Amino acid sequence: MAGASSALQSTRELGKATRDAFGRALESLGADNPSIVVVDADVNNSTRTEWFGKKCPERFFNIGIAESNLVGIAAGLAASGKTSVIASFAAFIMCNAYDQLRMSVAYPGLNVKVVGSHAGISIGEDGASQMGIEDVALACALPGFVVIVPADDLSTQAATAAMLQYNGPVYLRVGRPEVPRVYAGNTAPFEIGKANLLRDGSDLTIVADGLMVAPALDAAETLAGAGITARVLDMHTVKPLDRGALEAAARETGALVVAEEHLAHGGLGSVVAMTLAESHPIPIRFVNLGDQFGESGAPEALLAKYGLTAANVALAARAVIAAKK
């Protein structure tokens, strides 16, 4: 895809935006499953649910800019036996409608699939008010919710299929920009709660999700040139976490770096640290947004300014290796 805009500088093949992959998967899978209904809050051209709406208009409902009502309607449909899919910007659906998600979806454990699009600072010029940077923490705090953050378009396609097959509430995080391909071929391996080993190594493990998986792999390649072997785990499911893969990595490599496009508190890094503190404490370093809002700017410039780069992952890797000696 020469000339396409990407949020990341990488030599990897550029794939579609994860929001586009979600939209196409929903369009295809939803057409074959009459129990699936989709409810959108007047951003269907951005979340890509419009593609399902055009194919299955009788099962598509645009309720306007009203996220709390969006959740309530979807919960009612799920309570009557439907598989409800709701989509909006991550900042809107998780922040504006959190009480409804808590009481109308999580508490009764309804089969509602919540898709937060345009997540992270990679949304770019739209600025801080529309950047979902706390969404993973909020979703993880909802009892019974599965939380998924796929790395590229192929893994998003597979994640969407798994989400629709799963019986219960799910949060799926997708993004606006085109991102480098992490997986080859036409499909990606995906199982809820099971991390994918993308590269093996013995000196440390880099655990990443979403947009940061490609920089994790790029960092591992840079480190290999200096004789440092890094294991790379795509921890696409933040909840439930793959404890087995994580604990094995801790035992076998003795040091971790966690990379995510999210605030420091409550995201993948927090879940990883909590898990290993209980079972196998080791040195860990974190690459994330820290404790700050983003700003308006070009996606690549923002990722560079806030340190969400392969170079920063490699620096964290060298620091954590030094800490374990």
C-alpha atoms as a PDB file:
ATOM      1  CA  MET A   1       0.000   0.000   0.000  1.00  0.00           C
ATOM      2  CA  ALA A   2       2.579   2.494  -1.121  1.00  0.00           C
ATOM      3  CA  GLY A   3       1.832   6.057  -0.198  1.00  0.00           C
ATOM      4  CA  ALA A   4      -0.774   5.182   2.444  1.00  0.00           C
ATOM      5  CA  SER A   5      -0.821   7.073   5.717  1.00  0.00           C
ATOM      6  CA  SER A   6       0.329   5.147   8.786  1.00  0.00           C
ATOM      7  CA  ALA A   7       0.642   5.952  12.460  1.00  0.00           C
ATOM      8  CA  LEU A   8       3.956   4.111  12.620  1.00  0.00           C
ATOM      9  CA  GLN A   9       7.241   4.267  10.775  1.00  0.00           C
ATOM     10  CA  SER A  10       8.052   0.633  10.005  1.00  0.00           C
ATOM     11  CA  THR A  11       9.482  -1.460   7.220  1.00  0.00           C
ATOM     12  CA  ARG A  12       6.576  -3.878   7.612  1.00  0.00           C
ATOM     13  CA  GLU A  13       3.776  -4.155   5.078  1.00  0.00           C
ATOM     14  CA  LEU A  14       1.056  -1.632   5.788  1.00  0.00           C
ATOM     15  CA  GLY A  15      -2.345  -3.130   6.517  1.00  0.00           C
ATOM     16  CA  LYS A  16      -5.792  -1.630   6.884  1.00  0.00           C
ATOM     17  CA  ALA A  17      -6.889   0.329   9.923  1.00  0.00           C
ATOM     18  CA  THR A  18      -8.215  -1.950  12.647  1.00  0.00           C
ATOM     19  CA  ARG A  19     -11.564  -0.107  12.555  1.00  0.00           C
ATOM     20  CA  ASP A  20     -11.831  -1.030   8.859  1.00  0.00           C
ATOM     21  CA  ALA A  21     -11.016  -4.679   9.584  1.00  0.00           C
ATOM     22  CA  PHE A  22     -13.679  -4.739  12.291  1.00  0.00           C
ATOM     23  CA  GLY A  23     -16.238  -3.177   9.945  1.00  0.00           C
ATOM     24  CA  ARG A  24     -15.624  -5.673   7.145  1.00  0.00           C
ATOM     25  CA  ALA A  25     -15.649  -8.649   9.517  1.00  0.00           C
ATOM     26  CA  LEU A  26     -18.908  -7.473  11.076  1.00  0.00           C
ATOM     27  CA  GLU A  27     -20.432  -6.935   7.647  1.00  0.00           C
ATOM     28  CA  SER A  28     -19.567 -10.478   6.562  1.00  0.00           C
ATOM     29  CA  LEU A  29     -20.226 -12.376   9.794  1.00  0.00           C
ATOM     30  CA  GLY A  30     -23.317 -10.386  10.695  1.00  0.00           C
ATOM     31  CA  ALA A  31     -24.985 -11.089   7.375  1.00  0.00           C
ATOM     32  CA  ASP A  32     -24.792 -14.822   8.108  1.00  0.00           C
ATOM     33  CA  ASN A  33     -26.073 -14.575  11.688  1.00  0.00           C
ATOM     34  CA  PRO A  34     -29.629 -13.230  12.058  1.00  0.00           C
ATOM     35  CA  SER A  35     -29.270 -12.887  15.844  1.00  0.00           C
ATOM     36  CA  ILE A  36     -26.699 -10.076  15.474  1.00  0.00           C
ATOM     37  CA  VAL A  37     -28.006  -6.517  15.809  1.00  0.00           C
ATOM     38  CA  VAL A  38     -25.898  -3.365  15.602  1.00  0.00           C
ATOM     39  CA  VAL A  39     -26.573  -0.089  17.402  1.00  0.00           C
ATOM     40  CA  ASP A  40     -24.529   3.038  16.636  1.00  0.00           C
ATOM     41  CA  ALA A  41     -24.451   6.575  18.015  1.00  0.00           C
ATOM     42  CA  ASP A  42     -24.385   8.533  14.754  1.00  0.00           C
ATOM     43  CA  VAL A  43     -20.723   7.810  14.004  1.00  0.00           C
ATOM     44  CA  ASN A  44     -21.329   4.757  11.821  1.00  0.00           C
ATOM     45  CA  ASN A  45     -19.283   6.209   8.959  1.00  0.00           C
ATOM     46  CA  SER A  46     -16.297   6.432  11.344  1.00  0.00           C
ATOM     47  CA  THR A  47     -16.759   3.179  13.284  1.00  0.00           C
ATOM     48  CA  ARG A  48     -17.466   1.388   9.970  1.00  0.00           C
ATOM     49  CA  THR A  49     -20.704  -0.176  11.219  1.00  0.00           C
ATOM     50  CA  GLU A  50     -22.287   1.538   8.214  1.00  0.00           C
ATOM     51  CA  TRP A  51     -21.147  -1.401   6.083  1.00  0.00           C
ATOM     52  CA  PHE A  52     -23.265  -3.802   8.150  1.00  0.00           C
ATOM     53  CA  GLY A  53     -26.100  -1.272   8.109  1.00  0.00           C
ATOM     54  CA  LYS A  54     -26.184  -1.171   4.320  1.00  0.00           C
ATOM     55  CA  LYS A  55     -26.231  -4.951   4.062  1.00  0.00           C
ATOM     56  CA  CYS A  56     -28.664  -5.608   6.942  1.00  0.00           C
ATOM     57  CA  PRO A  57     -30.681  -2.390   7.425  1.00  0.00           C
ATOM     58  CA  GLU A  58     -33.435  -4.184   9.340  1.00  0.00           C
ATOM     59  CA  ARG A  59     -30.926  -5.077  12.071  1.00  0.00           C
ATOM     60  CA  PHE A  60     -29.086  -1.745  12.232  1.00  0.00           C
ATOM     61  CA  PHE A  61     -30.153   1.116  14.515  1.00  0.00           C
ATOM     62  CA  ASN A  62     -28.634   4.601  14.569  1.00  0.00           C
ATOM     63  CA  ILE A  63     -29.934   6.208  17.755  1.00  0.00           C
ATOM     64  CA  GLY A  64     -28.105   9.530  17.491  1.00  0.00           C
ATOM     65  CA  ILE A  65     -25.458  11.111  19.690  1.00  0.00           C
ATOM     66  CA  ALA A  66     -26.611   9.554  22.959  1.00  0.00           C
ATOM     67  CA  GLU A  67     -24.172   6.962  24.272  1.00  0.00           C
ATOM     68  CA  SER A  68     -26.106   6.192  27.459  1.00  0.00           C
ATOM     69  CA  ASN A  69     -29.227   5.406  25.439  1.00  0.00           C
ATOM     70  CA  LEU A  70     -27.043   3.419  23.047  1.00  0.00           C
ATOM     71  CA  VAL A  71     -26.020   1.067  25.845  1.00  0.00           C
ATOM     72  CA  GLY A  72     -29.552   0.810  27.258  1.00  0.00           C
ATOM     73  CA  ILE A  73     -31.049  -0.123  23.903  1.00  0.00           C
ATOM     74  CA  ALA A  74     -28.329  -2.692  23.234  1.00  0.00           C
ATOM     75  CA  ALA A  75     -28.840  -4.197  26.687  1.00  0.00           C
ATOM     76  CA  GLY A  76     -32.568  -4.545  26.055  1.00  0.00           C
ATOM     77  CA  LEU A  77     -31.944  -6.266  22.733  1.00  0.00           C
ATOM     78  CA  ALA A  78     -29.436  -8.617  24.361  1.00  0.00           C
ATOM     79  CA  ALA A  79     -31.890  -9.403  27.169  1.00  0.00           C
ATOM     80  CA  SER A  80     -34.361 -10.517  24.506  1.00  0.00           C
ATOM     81  CA  GLY A  81     -31.859 -12.967  23.016  1.00  0.00           C
ATOM     82  CA  LYS A  82     -29.953 -10.899  20.468  1.00  0.00           C
ATOM     83  CA  THR A  83     -26.194 -10.508  20.129  1.00  0.00           C
ATOM     84  CA  SER A  84     -25.861  -6.734  20.437  1.00  0.00           C
ATOM     85  CA  VAL A  85     -22.911  -4.903  18.914  1.00  0.00           C
ATOM     86  CA  ILE A  86     -22.490  -1.253  19.866  1.00  0.00           C
ATOM     87  CA  ALA A  87     -19.839   1.076  18.502  1.00  0.00           C
ATOM     88  CA  SER A  88     -18.650   4.610  19.099  1.00  0.00           C
ATOM     89  CA  PHE A  89     -15.399   6.421  19.764  1.00  0.00           C
ATOM     90  CA  ALA A  90     -13.632   4.773  22.698  1.00  0.00           C
ATOM     91  CA  ALA A  91     -13.639   8.039  24.667  1.00  0.00           C
ATOM     92  CA  PHE A  92     -17.391   8.433  24.190  1.00  0.00           C
ATOM     93  CA  ILE A  93     -18.646   4.919  24.793  1.00  0.00           C
ATOM     94  CA  MET A  94     -16.450   4.150  27.816  1.00  0.00           C
ATOM     95  CA  CYS A  95     -16.469   7.544  29.532  1.00  0.00           C
ATOM     96  CA  ASN A  96     -19.924   8.910  28.721  1.00  0.00           C
ATOM     97  CA  ALA A  97     -21.860   5.682  29.218  1.00  0.00           C
ATOM     98  CA  TYR A  98     -19.879   3.968  31.956  1.00  0.00           C
ATOM     99  CA  ASP A  99     -22.711   3.759  34.482  1.00  0.00           C
ATOM    100  CA  GLN A 100     -24.990   2.145  31.893  1.00  0.00           C
ATOM    101  CA  LEU A 101     -22.247  -0.325  30.942  1.00  0.00           C
ATOM    102  CA  ARG A 102     -21.800  -1.136  34.621  1.00  0.00           C
ATOM    103  CA  MET A 103     -25.441  -1.621  35.578  1.00  0.00           C
ATOM    104  CA  SER A 104     -27.162  -2.589  32.311  1.00  0.00           C
ATOM    105  CA  VAL A 105     -24.480  -4.826  30.755  1.00  0.00           C
ATOM    106  CA  ALA A 106     -21.845  -5.962  33.265  1.00  0.00           C
ATOM    107  CA  TYR A 107     -24.114  -6.550  36.270  1.00  0.00           C
ATOM    108  CA  PRO A 108     -26.593  -8.815  34.407  1.00  0.00           C
ATOM    109  CA  GLY A 109     -23.765 -10.249  32.240  1.00  0.00           C
ATOM    110  CA  LEU A 110     -25.550  -9.585  28.966  1.00  0.00           C
ATOM    111  CA  ASN A 111     -24.293 -10.534  25.527  1.00  0.00           C
ATOM    112  CA  VAL A 112     -23.284  -7.028  24.434  1.00  0.00           C
ATOM    113  CA  LYS A 113     -20.177  -6.399  22.334  1.00  0.00           C
ATOM    114  CA  VAL A 114     -18.754  -2.924  22.935  1.00  0.00           C
ATOM    115  CA  VAL A 115     -16.441  -1.601  20.220  1.00  0.00           C
ATOM    116  CA  GLY A 116     -14.358   1.445  21.068  1.00  0.00           C
ATOM    117  CA  SER A 117     -13.038   2.988  17.876  1.00  0.00           C
ATOM    118  CA  HIS A 118     -10.524   5.822  17.407  1.00  0.00           C
ATOM    119  CA  ALA A 119      -8.693   4.781  20.578  1.00  0.00           C
ATOM    120  CA  GLY A 120      -5.371   6.172  21.768  1.00  0.00           C
ATOM    121  CA  ILE A 121      -3.389   9.245  20.761  1.00  0.00           C
ATOM    122  CA  SER A 122      -3.009   7.855  17.231  1.00  0.00           C
ATOM    123  CA  ILE A 123      -6.394   9.399  16.423  1.00  0.00           C
ATOM    124  CA  GLY A 124      -4.173  12.428  15.752  1.00  0.00           C
ATOM    125  CA  GLU A 125      -5.498  15.895  15.038  1.00  0.00           C
ATOM    126  CA  ASP A 126      -8.879  15.424  16.776  1.00  0.00           C
ATOM    127  CA  GLY A 127      -7.151  16.124  20.081  1.00  0.00           C
ATOM    128  CA  ALA A 128      -7.393  15.163  23.732  1.00  0.00           C
ATOM    129  CA  SER A 129     -11.177  15.312  24.102  1.00  0.00           C
ATOM    130  CA  GLN A 130     -11.628  12.468  21.622  1.00  0.00           C
ATOM    131  CA  MET A 131      -8.613  10.327  22.548  1.00  0.00           C
ATOM    132  CA  GLY A 132      -9.638   7.193  24.452  1.00  0.00           C
ATOM    133  CA  ILE A 133      -6.548   6.663  26.597  1.00  0.00           C
ATOM    134  CA  GLU A 134      -8.204   5.258  29.750  1.00  0.00           C
ATOM    135  CA  ASP A 135     -10.654   2.917  28.011  1.00  0.00           C
ATOM    136  CA  VAL A 136      -8.817  -0.356  28.698  1.00  0.00           C
ATOM    137  CA  ALA A 137      -8.624   0.443  32.414  1.00  0.00           C
ATOM    138  CA  LEU A 138     -12.338   1.244  32.526  1.00  0.00           C
ATOM    139  CA  ALA A 139     -13.280  -1.907  30.596  1.00  0.00           C
ATOM    140  CA  CYS A 140     -11.075  -4.119  32.777  1.00  0.00           C
ATOM    141  CA  ALA A 141     -12.808  -2.723  35.854  1.00  0.00           C
ATOM    142  CA  LEU A 142     -16.199  -4.014  34.655  1.00  0.00           C
ATOM    143  CA  PRO A 143     -16.764  -7.463  36.232  1.00  0.00           C
ATOM    144  CA  GLY A 144     -17.218 -10.212  33.668  1.00  0.00           C
ATOM    145  CA  PHE A 145     -15.994  -8.201  30.694  1.00  0.00           C
ATOM    146  CA  VAL A 146     -13.503  -9.650  28.205  1.00  0.00           C
ATOM    147  CA  VAL A 147     -11.094  -6.941  26.953  1.00  0.00           C
ATOM    148  CA  ILE A 148      -9.370  -7.298  23.566  1.00  0.00           C
ATOM    149  CA  VAL A 149      -6.777  -5.027  21.922  1.00  0.00           C
ATOM    150  CA  PRO A 150      -5.726  -6.472  18.527  1.00  0.00           C
ATOM    151  CA  ALA A 151      -2.477  -5.544  16.801  1.00  0.00           C
ATOM    152  CA  ASP A 152      -3.324  -5.304  13.107  1.00  0.00           C
ATOM    153  CA  ASP A 153      -6.109  -5.785  10.591  1.00  0.00           C
ATOM    154  CA  LEU A 154      -5.754  -9.574  10.372  1.00  0.00           C
ATOM    155  CA  SER A 155      -5.851 -10.046  14.128  1.00  0.00           C
ATOM    156  CA  THR A 156      -8.813  -7.648  14.355  1.00  0.00           C
ATOM    157  CA  GLN A 157     -10.705  -9.719  11.818  1.00  0.00           C
ATOM    158  CA  ALA A 158     -10.065 -12.848  13.894  1.00  0.00           C
ATOM    159  CA  ALA A 159     -10.855 -11.027  17.142  1.00  0.00           C
ATOM    160  CA  THR A 160     -14.195  -9.847  15.774  1.00  0.00           C
ATOM    161  CA  ALA A 161     -15.152 -13.417  14.894  1.00  0.00           C
ATOM    162  CA  ALA A 162     -14.132 -14.654  18.357  1.00  0.00           C
ATOM    163  CA  MET A 163     -16.005 -11.801  20.020  1.00  0.00           C
ATOM    164  CA  LEU A 164     -19.226 -12.594  18.167  1.00  0.00           C
ATOM    165  CA  GLN A 165     -18.967 -16.281  19.080  1.00  0.00           C
ATOM    166  CA  TYR A 166     -18.344 -15.567  22.758  1.00  0.00           C
ATOM    167  CA  ASN A 167     -21.400 -15.477  25.017  1.00  0.00           C
ATOM    168  CA  GLY A 168     -21.015 -12.501  27.314  1.00  0.00           C
ATOM    169  CA  PRO A 169     -19.877  -8.867  27.417  1.00  0.00           C
ATOM    170  CA  VAL A 170     -16.747  -7.941  25.445  1.00  0.00           C
ATOM    171  CA  TYR A 171     -14.836  -4.721  24.863  1.00  0.00           C
ATOM    172  CA  LEU A 172     -12.916  -4.544  21.565  1.00  0.00           C
ATOM    173  CA  ARG A 173     -10.509  -1.641  21.028  1.00  0.00           C
ATOM    174  CA  VAL A 174      -9.800  -0.513  17.454  1.00  0.00           C
ATOM    175  CA  GLY A 175      -8.018   2.455  15.920  1.00  0.00           C
ATOM    176  CA  ARG A 176      -8.228   5.027  13.175  1.00  0.00           C
ATOM    177  CA  PRO A 177      -4.879   4.833  11.317  1.00  0.00           C
ATOM    178  CA  GLU A 178      -3.545   2.165   9.034  1.00  0.00           C
ATOM    179  CA  VAL A 179      -0.979   0.075  10.931  1.00  0.00           C
ATOM    180  CA  PRO A 180       1.868  -2.233   9.936  1.00  0.00           C
ATOM    181  CA  ARG A 181       1.077  -5.906   9.507  1.00  0.00           C
ATOM    182  CA  VAL A 182       2.198  -8.133  12.350  1.00  0.00           C
ATOM    183  CA  TYR A 183       0.756 -11.316  10.889  1.00  0.00           C
ATOM    184  CA  ALA A 184       1.410 -12.785   7.448  1.00  0.00           C
ATOM    185  CA  GLY A 185      -0.980 -14.436   5.041  1.00  0.00           C
ATOM    186  CA  ASN A 186      -4.730 -13.942   5.158  1.00  0.00           C
ATOM    187  CA  THR A 187      -5.509 -14.835   8.771  1.00  0.00           C
ATOM    188  CA  ALA A 188      -4.076 -14.478  12.251  1.00  0.00           C
ATOM    189  CA  PRO A 189      -4.230 -17.003  15.101  1.00  0.00           C
ATOM    190  CA  PHE A 190      -6.613 -15.802  17.772  1.00  0.00           C
ATOM    191  CA  GLU A 191      -8.034 -17.307  20.927  1.00  0.00           C
ATOM    192  CA  ILE A 192      -9.549 -15.238  23.709  1.00  0.00           C
ATOM    193  CA  GLY A 193      -7.211 -15.320  26.690  1.00  0.00           C
ATOM    194  CA  LYS A 194      -4.250 -16.851  24.845  1.00  0.00           C
ATOM    195  CA  ALA A 195      -1.266 -14.689  23.840  1.00  0.00           C
ATOM    196  CA  ASN A 196       0.552 -15.193  20.546  1.00  0.00           C
ATOM    197  CA  LEU A 197       4.310 -15.816  20.641  1.00  0.00           C
ATOM    198  CA  LEU A 198       5.673 -13.762  17.732  1.00  0.00           C
ATOM    199  CA  ARG A 199       9.380 -14.096  18.423  1.00  0.00           C
ATOM    200  CA  ASP A 200      11.383 -16.196  20.879  1.00  0.00           C
ATOM    201  CA  GLY A 201      14.275 -15.044  22.997  1.00  0.00           C
ATOM    202  CA  SER A 202      15.997 -15.654  26.308  1.00  0.00           C
ATOM    203  CA  ASP A 203      17.291 -12.272  27.547  1.00  0.00           C
ATOM    204  CA  LEU A 204      13.943 -10.553  28.125  1.00  0.00           C
ATOM    205  CA  THR A 205      10.314 -10.571  27.034  1.00  0.00           C
ATOM    206  CA  ILE A 206       8.471  -7.670  25.414  1.00  0.00           C
ATOM    207  CA  VAL A 207       4.737  -7.878  26.091  1.00  0.00           C
ATOM    208  CA  ALA A 208       2.654  -5.584  23.894  1.00  0.00           C
ATOM    209  CA  ASP A 209      -0.831  -5.092  22.561  1.00  0.00           C
ATOM    210  CA  GLY A 210      -2.534  -3.090  19.844  1.00  0.00           C
ATOM    211  CA  LEU A 211      -0.556  -0.554  17.891  1.00  0.00           C
ATOM    212  CA  MET A 212       2.577  -1.213  19.989  1.00  0.00           C
ATOM    213  CA  VAL A 213       3.097  -4.805  18.843  1.00  0.00           C
ATOM    214  CA  ALA A 214       4.813  -3.735  15.615  1.00  0.00           C
ATOM    215  CA  PRO A 215       7.303  -1.457  17.469  1.00  0.00           C
ATOM    216  CA  ALA A 216       7.943  -4.329  19.897  1.00  0.00           C
ATOM    217  CA  LEU A 217       8.977  -6.546  16.997  1.00  0.00           C
ATOM    218  CA  ASP A 218      11.060  -3.766  15.455  1.00  0.00           C
ATOM    219  CA  ALA A 219      12.783  -3.214  18.802  1.00  0.00           C
ATOM    220  CA  ALA A 220      13.502  -6.943  19.094  1.00  0.00           C
ATOM    221  CA  GLU A 221      15.188  -6.879  15.698  1.00  0.00           C
ATOM    222  CA  THR A 222      17.321  -3.887  16.728  1.00  0.00           C
ATOM    223  CA  LEU A 223      18.305  -5.619  19.975  1.00  0.00           C
ATOM    224  CA  ALA A 224      19.230  -8.789  18.085  1.00  0.00           C
ATOM    225  CA  GLY A 225      21.837  -6.777  16.219  1.00  0.00           C
ATOM    226  CA  ALA A 226      23.483  -6.112  19.595  1.00  0.00           C
ATOM    227  CA  GLY A 227      23.343  -9.752  20.624  1.00  0.00           C
ATOM    228  CA  ILE A 228      20.238  -9.398  22.831  1.00  0.00           C
ATOM    229  CA  THR A 229      17.453 -11.889  22.181  1.00  0.00           C
ATOM    230  CA  ALA A 230      13.953 -10.693  23.033  1.00  0.00           C
ATOM    231  CA  ARG A 231      10.831 -12.797  23.225  1.00  0.00           C
ATOM    232  CA  VAL A 232       7.786 -10.915  21.916  1.00  0.00           C
ATOM    233  CA  LEU A 233       4.252 -11.701  23.088  1.00  0.00           C
ATOM    234  CA  ASP A 234       1.173 -10.221  21.441  1.00  0.00           C
ATOM    235  CA  MET A 235      -1.026 -10.031  24.550  1.00  0.00           C
ATOM    236  CA  HIS A 236      -4.134  -9.187  22.560  1.00  0.00           C
ATOM    237  CA  THR A 237      -6.454 -10.163  25.406  1.00  0.00           C
ATOM    238  CA  VAL A 238      -5.856  -7.965  28.440  1.00  0.00           C
ATOM    239  CA  LYS A 239      -8.668  -9.667  30.335  1.00  0.00           C
ATOM    240  CA  PRO A 240      -8.534 -12.585  30.880  1.00  0.00           C
ATOM    241  CA  LEU A 241      -4.738 -12.396  30.716  1.00  0.00           C
ATOM    242  CA  ASP A 242      -2.723 -15.391  29.525  1.00  0.00           C
ATOM    243  CA  ARG A 243      -1.104 -16.146  32.885  1.00  0.00           C
ATOM    244  CA  GLY A 244       0.615 -19.260  31.555  1.00  0.00           C
ATOM    245  CA  ALA A 245       2.478 -17.461  28.770  1.00  0.00           C
ATOM    246  CA  LEU A 246       3.342 -14.562  31.056  1.00  0.00           C
ATOM    247  CA  GLU A 247       4.639 -16.701  33.924  1.00  0.00           C
ATOM    248  CA  ALA A 248       6.663 -18.850  31.520  1.00  0.00           C
ATOM    249  CA  ALA A 249       8.215 -15.693  30.069  1.00  0.00           C
ATOM    250  CA  ALA A 250       9.079 -14.454  33.560  1.00  0.00           C
ATOM    251  CA  ARG A 251      10.736 -17.751  34.518  1.00  0.00           C
ATOM    252  CA  GLU A 252      12.599 -18.245  31.263  1.00  0.00           C
ATOM    253  CA  THR A 253      13.756 -14.681  30.463  1.00  0.00           C
ATOM    254  CA  GLY A 254      13.799 -12.992  33.878  1.00  0.00           C
ATOM    255  CA  ALA A 255      12.863  -9.484  32.681  1.00  0.00           C
ATOM    256  CA  LEU A 256       9.921  -7.806  30.958  1.00  0.00           C
ATOM    257  CA  VAL A 257       8.997  -4.679  29.047  1.00  0.00           C
ATOM    258  CA  VAL A 258       5.293  -3.887  28.633  1.00  0.00           C
ATOM    259  CA  ALA A 259       4.324  -1.573  25.755  1.00  0.00           C
ATOM    260  CA  GLU A 260       0.866  -0.100  25.174  1.00  0.00           C
ATOM    261  CA  GLU A 261      -0.855   3.000  23.771  1.00  0.00           C
ATOM    262  CA  HIS A 262      -2.636   3.765  27.038  1.00  0.00           C
ATOM    263  CA  LEU A 263      -2.242   5.562  30.333  1.00  0.00           C
ATOM    264  CA  ALA A 264       0.155   3.996  32.826  1.00  0.00           C
ATOM    265  CA  HIS A 265      -2.534   3.149  35.338  1.00  0.00           C
ATOM    266  CA  GLY A 266      -5.022   0.345  34.799  1.00  0.00           C
ATOM    267  CA  GLY A 267      -3.966  -0.925  31.381  1.00  0.00           C
ATOM    268  CA  LEU A 268      -1.927  -3.908  30.219  1.00  0.00           C
ATOM    269  CA  GLY A 269       1.113  -2.901  32.289  1.00  0.00           C
ATOM    270  CA  SER A 270      -0.908  -2.792  35.490  1.00  0.00           C
ATOM    271  CA  VAL A 271      -2.457  -6.199  34.817  1.00  0.00           C
ATOM    272  CA  VAL A 272       0.918  -7.759  33.972  1.00  0.00           C
ATOM    273  CA  ALA A 273       2.567  -6.288  37.077  1.00  0.00           C
ATOM    274  CA  MET A 274      -0.265  -7.434  39.342  1.00  0.00           C
ATOM    275  CA  THR A 275      -0.109 -10.951  37.926  1.00  0.00           C
ATOM    276  CA  LEU A 276       3.655 -11.355  38.255  1.00  0.00           C
ATOM    277  CA  ALA A 277       3.812  -9.714  41.695  1.00  0.00           C
ATOM    278  CA  GLU A 278       1.660 -12.577  42.890  1.00  0.00           C
ATOM    279  CA  SER A 279       3.347 -15.447  41.062  1.00  0.00           C
ATOM    280  CA  HIS A 280       6.863 -14.588  39.820  1.00  0.00           C
ATOM    281  CA  PRO A 281       8.240 -11.087  40.598  1.00  0.00           C
ATOM    282  CA  ILE A 282      10.931  -9.894  38.171  1.00  0.00           C
ATOM    283  CA  PRO A 283      12.220  -6.506  36.907  1.00  0.00           C
ATOM    284  CA  ILE A 284       9.688  -4.791  34.602  1.00  0.00           C
ATOM    285  CA  ARG A 285       9.827  -1.569  32.600  1.00  0.00           C
ATOM    286  CA  PHE A 286       6.854   0.161  31.013  1.00  0.00           C
ATOM    287  CA  VAL A 287       6.372   2.059  27.753  1.00  0.00           C
ATOM    288  CA  ASN A 288       3.062   3.943  27.813  1.00  0.00           C
ATOM    289  CA  LEU A 289       1.556   7.434  27.998  1.00  0.00           C
ATOM    290  CA  GLY A 290       2.339   7.943  31.654  1.00  0.00           C
ATOM    291  CA  ASP A 291      -0.105  10.164  33.560  1.00  0.00           C
ATOM    292  CA  GLN A 292      -1.011  12.799  30.983  1.00  0.00           C
ATOM    293  CA  PHE A 293      -3.449  13.678  28.247  1.00  0.00           C
ATOM    294  CA  GLY A 294      -2.478  13.765  24.596  1.00  0.00           C
ATOM    295  CA  GLU A 295      -2.837  16.706  22.230  1.00  0.00           C
ATOM    296  CA  SER A 296      -3.697  17.500  18.659  1.00  0.00           C
ATOM    297  CA  GLY A 297      -1.080  16.588  16.068  1.00  0.00           C
ATOM    298  CA  ALA A 298      -0.062  14.197  13.345  1.00  0.00           C
ATOM    299  CA  PRO A 299      -0.233  10.588  14.610  1.00  0.00           C
ATOM    300  CA  GLU A 300       3.427   9.773  13.959  1.00  0.00           C
ATOM    301  CA  ALA A 301       4.566  13.016  15.612  1.00  0.00           C
ATOM    302  CA  LEU A 302       2.425  12.304  18.674  1.00  0.00           C
ATOM    303  CA  LEU A 303       3.699   8.754  19.043  1.00  0.00           C
ATOM    304  CA  ALA A 304       7.255  10.043  18.813  1.00  0.00           C
ATOM    305  CA  LYS A 305       6.672  12.873  21.315  1.00  0.00           C
ATOM    306  CA  TYR A 306       5.079  10.546  23.868  1.00  0.00           C
ATOM    307  CA  GLY A 307       7.701   7.841  23.436  1.00  0.00           C
ATOM    308  CA  LEU A 308       5.571   5.145  21.841  1.00  0.00           C
ATOM    309  CA  THR A 309       8.307   4.021  19.462  1.00  0.00           C
ATOM    310  CA  ALA A 310      10.518   1.031  18.759  1.00  0.00           C
ATOM    311  CA  ALA A 311      13.526   3.053  19.917  1.00  0.00           C
ATOM    312  CA  ASN A 312      11.915   3.664  23.298  1.00  0.00           C
ATOM    313  CA  VAL A 313      10.997  -0.003  23.647  1.00  0.00           C
ATOM    314  CA  ALA A 314      14.619  -0.930  22.931  1.00  0.00           C
ATOM    315  CA  LEU A 315      15.839   1.566  25.559  1.00  0.00           C
ATOM    316  CA  ALA A 316      13.454   0.080  28.119  1.00  0.00           C
ATOM    317  CA  ALA A 317      14.719  -3.389  27.191  1.00  0.00           C
ATOM    318  CA  ARG A 318      18.345  -2.427  27.864  1.00  0.00           C
ATOM    319  CA  ALA A 319      17.339  -0.850  31.177  1.00  0.00           C
ATOM    320  CA  VAL A 320      15.444  -3.906  32.392  1.00  0.00           C
ATOM    321  CA  ILE A 321      18.275  -6.255  31.398  1.00  0.00           C
ATOM    322  CA  ALA A 322      20.665  -4.132  33.466  1.00  0.00           C
ATOM    323  CA  ALA A 323      18.218  -4.261  36.381  1.00  0.00           C
ATOM    324  CA  LYS A 324      18.124  -8.048  36.464  1.00  0.00           C
ATOM    325  CA  LYS A 325      21.927  -8.439  36.728  1.00  0.00           C
END
